[in-house]
Amino acid sequence: MPLDFSALNQRQSDSFVAQKTLLKKLMLGKTCLCDSCKQALSVKFDEQAGIAYVKCKRGCTELQLEFGR
Protein backbone atom coordinates (compact mmCIF):
# COMPACT_ATOMS: atom_id res chain seq x y z
CA MET A 1 0.00 0.00 0.00
CA PRO A 2 1.62 3.29 -1.10
CA LEU A 3 1.95 6.11 1.42
CA ASP A 4 0.19 9.40 0.72
CA PHE A 5 2.50 12.34 1.38
CA SER A 6 0.35 14.93 -0.40
CA ALA A 7 -0.85 16.62 2.84
CA LEU A 8 2.70 16.84 4.21
CA ASN A 9 4.01 18.15 0.90
CA GLN A 10 1.27 20.79 0.81
CA ARG A 11 2.07 21.97 4.38
CA GLN A 12 5.77 22.25 3.52
CA SER A 13 4.96 24.17 0.35
CA ASP A 14 2.66 26.55 2.25
CA SER A 15 5.34 27.10 4.91
CA PHE A 16 7.98 27.85 2.27
CA VAL A 17 5.72 30.37 0.52
CA ALA A 18 4.90 32.08 3.86
CA GLN A 19 8.60 32.36 4.77
CA LYS A 20 9.48 33.65 1.31
CA THR A 21 6.74 36.30 1.56
CA LEU A 22 7.95 37.30 5.04
CA LEU A 23 11.53 37.69 3.81
CA LYS A 24 10.41 39.82 0.86
CA LYS A 25 8.51 42.17 3.19
CA LEU A 26 11.46 42.46 5.57
CA MET A 27 13.88 43.18 2.73
CA LEU A 28 11.58 45.97 1.56
CA GLY A 29 11.89 47.55 5.01
CA LYS A 30 8.40 46.68 6.19
CA THR A 31 7.74 45.73 9.81
CA CYS A 32 6.68 42.12 10.29
CA LEU A 33 5.57 40.62 13.57
CA CYS A 34 6.28 37.22 15.09
CA ASP A 35 3.23 34.96 14.88
CA SER A 36 3.72 33.80 18.48
CA CYS A 37 4.67 36.86 20.54
CA LYS A 38 3.68 39.68 18.12
CA GLN A 39 7.06 41.42 18.53
CA ALA A 40 8.85 42.93 15.54
CA LEU A 41 11.19 40.66 13.60
CA SER A 42 14.71 41.85 12.90
CA VAL A 43 17.21 40.89 10.20
CA LYS A 44 20.93 40.55 10.86
CA PHE A 45 23.55 39.71 8.27
CA ASP A 46 26.74 37.71 8.81
CA GLU A 47 28.55 38.56 5.60
CA GLN A 48 31.56 36.35 6.33
CA ALA A 49 29.37 33.26 6.79
CA GLY A 50 26.95 34.33 4.04
CA ILE A 51 23.91 33.95 6.31
CA ALA A 52 21.02 36.27 7.14
CA TYR A 53 19.19 35.71 10.43
CA VAL A 54 15.56 36.68 11.00
CA LYS A 55 14.32 36.52 14.57
CA CYS A 56 12.23 38.13 17.26
CA LYS A 57 13.63 39.19 20.65
CA ARG A 58 12.12 36.20 22.47
CA GLY A 59 13.40 33.69 19.91
CA CYS A 60 9.96 32.28 18.97
CA THR A 61 10.76 32.85 15.30
CA GLU A 62 14.23 32.13 14.01
CA LEU A 63 15.03 31.74 10.32
CA GLN A 64 18.40 31.39 8.63
CA LEU A 65 18.90 32.24 4.99
CA GLU A 66 22.05 31.48 3.06
CA PHE A 67 22.95 34.05 0.42
CA GLY A 68 25.58 34.14 -2.28
CA ARG A 69 28.45 36.53 -2.35
PDB file of N, CA and C in Angstrom:
ATOM      1  N   MET A   1       0.847  -1.183   0.000  1.00  0.00           N
ATOM      2  CA  MET A   1       0.000   0.000   0.000  1.00  0.00           C
ATOM      3  C   MET A   1       0.894   1.249   0.000  1.00  0.00           C
ATOM      4  N   PRO A   2       0.777   2.102  -1.019  1.00  0.00           N
ATOM      5  CA  PRO A   2       1.617   3.295  -1.102  1.00  0.00           C
ATOM      6  C   PRO A   2       1.203   4.337  -0.047  1.00  0.00           C
ATOM      7  N   LEU A   3       2.207   5.058   0.444  1.00  0.00           N
ATOM      8  CA  LEU A   3       1.953   6.112   1.423  1.00  0.00           C
ATOM      9  C   LEU A   3       1.561   7.393   0.695  1.00  0.00           C
ATOM     10  N   ASP A   4       0.651   8.141   1.304  1.00  0.00           N
ATOM     11  CA  ASP A   4       0.191   9.401   0.718  1.00  0.00           C
ATOM     12  C   ASP A   4       0.850  10.564   1.452  1.00  0.00           C
ATOM     13  N   PHE A   5       1.781  11.213   0.799  1.00  0.00           N
ATOM     14  CA  PHE A   5       2.498  12.335   1.377  1.00  0.00           C
ATOM     15  C   PHE A   5       1.961  13.681   0.891  1.00  0.00           C
ATOM     16  N   SER A   6       0.850  13.694   0.207  1.00  0.00           N
ATOM     17  CA  SER A   6       0.349  14.933  -0.395  1.00  0.00           C
ATOM     18  C   SER A   6       0.038  16.001   0.647  1.00  0.00           C
ATOM     19  N   ALA A   7      -0.532  15.630   1.805  1.00  0.00           N
ATOM     20  CA  ALA A   7      -0.851  16.616   2.839  1.00  0.00           C
ATOM     21  C   ALA A   7       0.432  17.207   3.431  1.00  0.00           C
ATOM     22  N   LEU A   8       1.419  16.365   3.682  1.00  0.00           N
ATOM     23  CA  LEU A   8       2.698  16.836   4.211  1.00  0.00           C
ATOM     24  C   LEU A   8       3.391  17.738   3.198  1.00  0.00           C
ATOM     25  N   ASN A   9       3.399  17.343   1.945  1.00  0.00           N
ATOM     26  CA  ASN A   9       4.014  18.153   0.897  1.00  0.00           C
ATOM     27  C   ASN A   9       3.331  19.511   0.776  1.00  0.00           C
ATOM     28  N   GLN A  10       2.014  19.531   0.905  1.00  0.00           N
ATOM     29  CA  GLN A  10       1.270  20.792   0.806  1.00  0.00           C
ATOM     30  C   GLN A  10       1.604  21.714   1.980  1.00  0.00           C
ATOM     31  N   ARG A  11       1.717  21.160   3.200  1.00  0.00           N
ATOM     32  CA  ARG A  11       2.072  21.969   4.376  1.00  0.00           C
ATOM     33  C   ARG A  11       3.468  22.556   4.225  1.00  0.00           C
ATOM     34  N   GLN A  12       4.408  21.752   3.722  1.00  0.00           N
ATOM     35  CA  GLN A  12       5.765  22.249   3.516  1.00  0.00           C
ATOM     36  C   GLN A  12       5.792  23.338   2.455  1.00  0.00           C
ATOM     37  N   SER A  13       5.034  23.166   1.405  1.00  0.00           N
ATOM     38  CA  SER A  13       4.959  24.172   0.349  1.00  0.00           C
ATOM     39  C   SER A  13       4.362  25.468   0.886  1.00  0.00           C
ATOM     40  N   ASP A  14       3.297  25.359   1.662  1.00  0.00           N
ATOM     41  CA  ASP A  14       2.660  26.546   2.247  1.00  0.00           C
ATOM     42  C   ASP A  14       3.620  27.276   3.183  1.00  0.00           C
ATOM     43  N   SER A  15       4.374  26.514   3.991  1.00  0.00           N
ATOM     44  CA  SER A  15       5.337  27.102   4.915  1.00  0.00           C
ATOM     45  C   SER A  15       6.445  27.824   4.149  1.00  0.00           C
ATOM     46  N   PHE A  16       6.934  27.230   3.078  1.00  0.00           N
ATOM     47  CA  PHE A  16       7.983  27.848   2.270  1.00  0.00           C
ATOM     48  C   PHE A  16       7.494  29.159   1.668  1.00  0.00           C
ATOM     49  N   VAL A  17       6.282  29.159   1.136  1.00  0.00           N
ATOM     50  CA  VAL A  17       5.721  30.370   0.525  1.00  0.00           C
ATOM     51  C   VAL A  17       5.554  31.463   1.582  1.00  0.00           C
ATOM     52  N   ALA A  18       5.089  31.097   2.777  1.00  0.00           N
ATOM     53  CA  ALA A  18       4.904  32.075   3.857  1.00  0.00           C
ATOM     54  C   ALA A  18       6.245  32.678   4.279  1.00  0.00           C
ATOM     55  N   GLN A  19       7.283  31.852   4.398  1.00  0.00           N
ATOM     56  CA  GLN A  19       8.599  32.358   4.772  1.00  0.00           C
ATOM     57  C   GLN A  19       9.188  33.234   3.671  1.00  0.00           C
ATOM     58  N   LYS A  20       8.985  32.860   2.439  1.00  0.00           N
ATOM     59  CA  LYS A  20       9.476  33.651   1.305  1.00  0.00           C
ATOM     60  C   LYS A  20       8.797  35.023   1.283  1.00  0.00           C
ATOM     61  N   THR A  21       7.496  35.049   1.523  1.00  0.00           N
ATOM     62  CA  THR A  21       6.744  36.305   1.561  1.00  0.00           C
ATOM     63  C   THR A  21       7.227  37.178   2.713  1.00  0.00           C
ATOM     64  N   LEU A  22       7.450  36.571   3.872  1.00  0.00           N
ATOM     65  CA  LEU A  22       7.948  37.299   5.036  1.00  0.00           C
ATOM     66  C   LEU A  22       9.303  37.929   4.742  1.00  0.00           C
ATOM     67  N   LEU A  23      10.205  37.167   4.142  1.00  0.00           N
ATOM     68  CA  LEU A  23      11.533  37.687   3.810  1.00  0.00           C
ATOM     69  C   LEU A  23      11.450  38.836   2.811  1.00  0.00           C
ATOM     70  N   LYS A  24      10.570  38.734   1.832  1.00  0.00           N
ATOM     71  CA  LYS A  24      10.407  39.819   0.856  1.00  0.00           C
ATOM     72  C   LYS A  24       9.969  41.100   1.545  1.00  0.00           C
ATOM     73  N   LYS A  25       8.999  40.988   2.467  1.00  0.00           N
ATOM     74  CA  LYS A  25       8.511  42.167   3.187  1.00  0.00           C
ATOM     75  C   LYS A  25       9.614  42.788   4.037  1.00  0.00           C
ATOM     76  N   LEU A  26      10.370  41.957   4.736  1.00  0.00           N
ATOM     77  CA  LEU A  26      11.457  42.462   5.567  1.00  0.00           C
ATOM     78  C   LEU A  26      12.523  43.154   4.732  1.00  0.00           C
ATOM     79  N   MET A  27      12.860  42.587   3.589  1.00  0.00           N
ATOM     80  CA  MET A  27      13.883  43.182   2.732  1.00  0.00           C
ATOM     81  C   MET A  27      13.417  44.501   2.112  1.00  0.00           C
ATOM     82  N   LEU A  28      12.111  44.702   2.057  1.00  0.00           N
ATOM     83  CA  LEU A  28      11.576  45.972   1.561  1.00  0.00           C
ATOM     84  C   LEU A  28      11.488  47.014   2.675  1.00  0.00           C
ATOM     85  N   GLY A  29      11.895  46.617   3.891  1.00  0.00           N
ATOM     86  CA  GLY A  29      11.891  47.545   5.011  1.00  0.00           C
ATOM     87  C   GLY A  29      10.578  47.606   5.775  1.00  0.00           C
ATOM     88  N   LYS A  30       9.677  46.698   5.489  1.00  0.00           N
ATOM     89  CA  LYS A  30       8.396  46.684   6.189  1.00  0.00           C
ATOM     90  C   LYS A  30       8.546  45.974   7.528  1.00  0.00           C
ATOM     91  N   THR A  31       7.726  46.367   8.497  1.00  0.00           N
ATOM     92  CA  THR A  31       7.737  45.731   9.806  1.00  0.00           C
ATOM     93  C   THR A  31       6.862  44.486   9.763  1.00  0.00           C
ATOM     94  N   CYS A  32       7.416  43.372  10.200  1.00  0.00           N
ATOM     95  CA  CYS A  32       6.680  42.115  10.291  1.00  0.00           C
ATOM     96  C   CYS A  32       6.735  41.648  11.735  1.00  0.00           C
ATOM     97  N   LEU A  33       5.657  41.055  12.198  1.00  0.00           N
ATOM     98  CA  LEU A  33       5.566  40.616  13.575  1.00  0.00           C
ATOM     99  C   LEU A  33       5.657  39.099  13.678  1.00  0.00           C
ATOM    100  N   CYS A  34       6.214  38.641  14.786  1.00  0.00           N
ATOM    101  CA  CYS A  34       6.280  37.216  15.093  1.00  0.00           C
ATOM    102  C   CYS A  34       4.863  36.694  15.290  1.00  0.00           C
ATOM    103  N   ASP A  35       4.564  35.536  14.726  1.00  0.00           N
ATOM    104  CA  ASP A  35       3.225  34.956  14.878  1.00  0.00           C
ATOM    105  C   ASP A  35       2.916  34.586  16.321  1.00  0.00           C
ATOM    106  N   SER A  36       3.932  34.252  17.100  1.00  0.00           N
ATOM    107  CA  SER A  36       3.718  33.803  18.476  1.00  0.00           C
ATOM    108  C   SER A  36       3.610  34.939  19.481  1.00  0.00           C
ATOM    109  N   CYS A  37       4.615  35.823  19.506  1.00  0.00           N
ATOM    110  CA  CYS A  37       4.666  36.860  20.543  1.00  0.00           C
ATOM    111  C   CYS A  37       4.289  38.253  20.047  1.00  0.00           C
ATOM    112  N   LYS A  38       4.084  38.406  18.743  1.00  0.00           N
ATOM    113  CA  LYS A  38       3.683  39.677  18.124  1.00  0.00           C
ATOM    114  C   LYS A  38       4.720  40.789  18.274  1.00  0.00           C
ATOM    115  N   GLN A  39       5.989  40.436  18.512  1.00  0.00           N
ATOM    116  CA  GLN A  39       7.061  41.424  18.533  1.00  0.00           C
ATOM    117  C   GLN A  39       7.646  41.542  17.133  1.00  0.00           C
ATOM    118  N   ALA A  40       8.264  42.678  16.862  1.00  0.00           N
ATOM    119  CA  ALA A  40       8.847  42.926  15.539  1.00  0.00           C
ATOM    120  C   ALA A  40      10.005  41.968  15.273  1.00  0.00           C
ATOM    121  N   LEU A  41      10.088  41.512  14.039  1.00  0.00           N
ATOM    122  CA  LEU A  41      11.191  40.664  13.603  1.00  0.00           C
ATOM    123  C   LEU A  41      12.335  41.544  13.119  1.00  0.00           C
ATOM    124  N   SER A  42      13.551  41.105  13.357  1.00  0.00           N
ATOM    125  CA  SER A  42      14.713  41.849  12.896  1.00  0.00           C
ATOM    126  C   SER A  42      15.558  40.960  11.996  1.00  0.00           C
ATOM    127  N   VAL A  43      16.330  41.602  11.122  1.00  0.00           N
ATOM    128  CA  VAL A  43      17.214  40.887  10.200  1.00  0.00           C
ATOM    129  C   VAL A  43      18.641  41.291  10.514  1.00  0.00           C
ATOM    130  N   LYS A  44      19.510  40.298  10.645  1.00  0.00           N
ATOM    131  CA  LYS A  44      20.933  40.554  10.861  1.00  0.00           C
ATOM    132  C   LYS A  44      21.707  39.742   9.842  1.00  0.00           C
ATOM    133  N   PHE A  45      22.740  40.356   9.291  1.00  0.00           N
ATOM    134  CA  PHE A  45      23.551  39.709   8.265  1.00  0.00           C
ATOM    135  C   PHE A  45      24.924  39.354   8.818  1.00  0.00           C
ATOM    136  N   ASP A  46      25.373  38.143   8.537  1.00  0.00           N
ATOM    137  CA  ASP A  46      26.743  37.714   8.813  1.00  0.00           C
ATOM    138  C   ASP A  46      27.379  37.521   7.444  1.00  0.00           C
ATOM    139  N   GLU A  47      28.021  38.579   6.967  1.00  0.00           N
ATOM    140  CA  GLU A  47      28.548  38.563   5.602  1.00  0.00           C
ATOM    141  C   GLU A  47      29.669  37.544   5.424  1.00  0.00           C
ATOM    142  N   GLN A  48      30.467  37.316   6.455  1.00  0.00           N
ATOM    143  CA  GLN A  48      31.560  36.349   6.332  1.00  0.00           C
ATOM    144  C   GLN A  48      31.027  34.935   6.155  1.00  0.00           C
ATOM    145  N   ALA A  49      29.958  34.600   6.888  1.00  0.00           N
ATOM    146  CA  ALA A  49      29.372  33.257   6.788  1.00  0.00           C
ATOM    147  C   ALA A  49      28.377  33.172   5.636  1.00  0.00           C
ATOM    148  N   GLY A  50      27.923  34.326   5.124  1.00  0.00           N
ATOM    149  CA  GLY A  50      26.946  34.328   4.041  1.00  0.00           C
ATOM    150  C   GLY A  50      25.563  33.915   4.511  1.00  0.00           C
ATOM    151  N   ILE A  51      25.195  34.335   5.737  1.00  0.00           N
ATOM    152  CA  ILE A  51      23.907  33.954   6.309  1.00  0.00           C
ATOM    153  C   ILE A  51      23.180  35.195   6.818  1.00  0.00           C
ATOM    154  N   ALA A  52      21.888  35.240   6.564  1.00  0.00           N
ATOM    155  CA  ALA A  52      21.023  36.266   7.136  1.00  0.00           C
ATOM    156  C   ALA A  52      20.150  35.589   8.188  1.00  0.00           C
ATOM    157  N   TYR A  53      20.009  36.237   9.340  1.00  0.00           N
ATOM    158  CA  TYR A  53      19.194  35.706  10.429  1.00  0.00           C
ATOM    159  C   TYR A  53      17.969  36.584  10.616  1.00  0.00           C
ATOM    160  N   VAL A  54      16.810  35.972  10.722  1.00  0.00           N
ATOM    161  CA  VAL A  54      15.559  36.681  11.004  1.00  0.00           C
ATOM    162  C   VAL A  54      15.036  36.119  12.308  1.00  0.00           C
ATOM    163  N   LYS A  55      14.825  37.011  13.295  1.00  0.00           N
ATOM    164  CA  LYS A  55      14.323  36.523  14.573  1.00  0.00           C
ATOM    165  C   LYS A  55      13.643  37.623  15.360  1.00  0.00           C
ATOM    166  N   CYS A  56      12.835  37.192  16.326  1.00  0.00           N
ATOM    167  CA  CYS A  56      12.228  38.127  17.263  1.00  0.00           C
ATOM    168  C   CYS A  56      13.073  38.126  18.533  1.00  0.00           C
ATOM    169  N   LYS A  57      12.828  39.080  19.427  1.00  0.00           N
ATOM    170  CA  LYS A  57      13.632  39.191  20.645  1.00  0.00           C
ATOM    171  C   LYS A  57      13.516  37.953  21.530  1.00  0.00           C
ATOM    172  N   ARG A  58      12.332  37.366  21.601  1.00  0.00           N
ATOM    173  CA  ARG A  58      12.119  36.201  22.466  1.00  0.00           C
ATOM    174  C   ARG A  58      12.668  34.915  21.862  1.00  0.00           C
ATOM    175  N   GLY A  59      12.869  34.887  20.557  1.00  0.00           N
ATOM    176  CA  GLY A  59      13.397  33.688  19.905  1.00  0.00           C
ATOM    177  C   GLY A  59      12.321  32.720  19.439  1.00  0.00           C
ATOM    178  N   CYS A  60      11.059  33.148  19.449  1.00  0.00           N
ATOM    179  CA  CYS A  60       9.958  32.285  18.971  1.00  0.00           C
ATOM    180  C   CYS A  60      10.146  31.966  17.494  1.00  0.00           C
ATOM    181  N   THR A  61      10.523  32.994  16.740  1.00  0.00           N
ATOM    182  CA  THR A  61      10.758  32.855  15.305  1.00  0.00           C
ATOM    183  C   THR A  61      12.248  33.000  15.062  1.00  0.00           C
ATOM    184  N   GLU A  62      12.805  32.066  14.334  1.00  0.00           N
ATOM    185  CA  GLU A  62      14.227  32.135  14.005  1.00  0.00           C
ATOM    186  C   GLU A  62      14.445  31.452  12.664  1.00  0.00           C
ATOM    187  N   LEU A  63      14.781  32.253  11.663  1.00  0.00           N
ATOM    188  CA  LEU A  63      15.031  31.742  10.322  1.00  0.00           C
ATOM    189  C   LEU A  63      16.474  32.053   9.931  1.00  0.00           C
ATOM    190  N   GLN A  64      17.070  31.158   9.171  1.00  0.00           N
ATOM    191  CA  GLN A  64      18.403  31.392   8.629  1.00  0.00           C
ATOM    192  C   GLN A  64      18.312  31.271   7.117  1.00  0.00           C
ATOM    193  N   LEU A  65      18.921  32.207   6.442  1.00  0.00           N
ATOM    194  CA  LEU A  65      18.898  32.237   4.993  1.00  0.00           C
ATOM    195  C   LEU A  65      20.318  32.361   4.472  1.00  0.00           C
ATOM    196  N   GLU A  66      20.749  31.396   3.682  1.00  0.00           N
ATOM    197  CA  GLU A  66      22.054  31.483   3.060  1.00  0.00           C
ATOM    198  C   GLU A  66      21.952  32.361   1.812  1.00  0.00           C
ATOM    199  N   PHE A  67      22.945  33.228   1.626  1.00  0.00           N
ATOM    200  CA  PHE A  67      22.953  34.046   0.422  1.00  0.00           C
ATOM    201  C   PHE A  67      24.318  33.999  -0.226  1.00  0.00           C
ATOM    202  N   GLY A  68      24.325  34.185  -1.527  1.00  0.00           N
ATOM    203  CA  GLY A  68      25.577  34.142  -2.284  1.00  0.00           C
ATOM    204  C   GLY A  68      26.333  35.426  -2.172  1.00  0.00           C
ATOM    205  N   ARG A  69      27.599  35.332  -2.417  1.00  0.00           N
ATOM    206  CA  ARG A  69      28.446  36.533  -2.346  1.00  0.00           C
ATOM    207  C   ARG A  69      28.773  37.026  -3.701  1.00  0.00           C
TER     208      ARG A  69
END
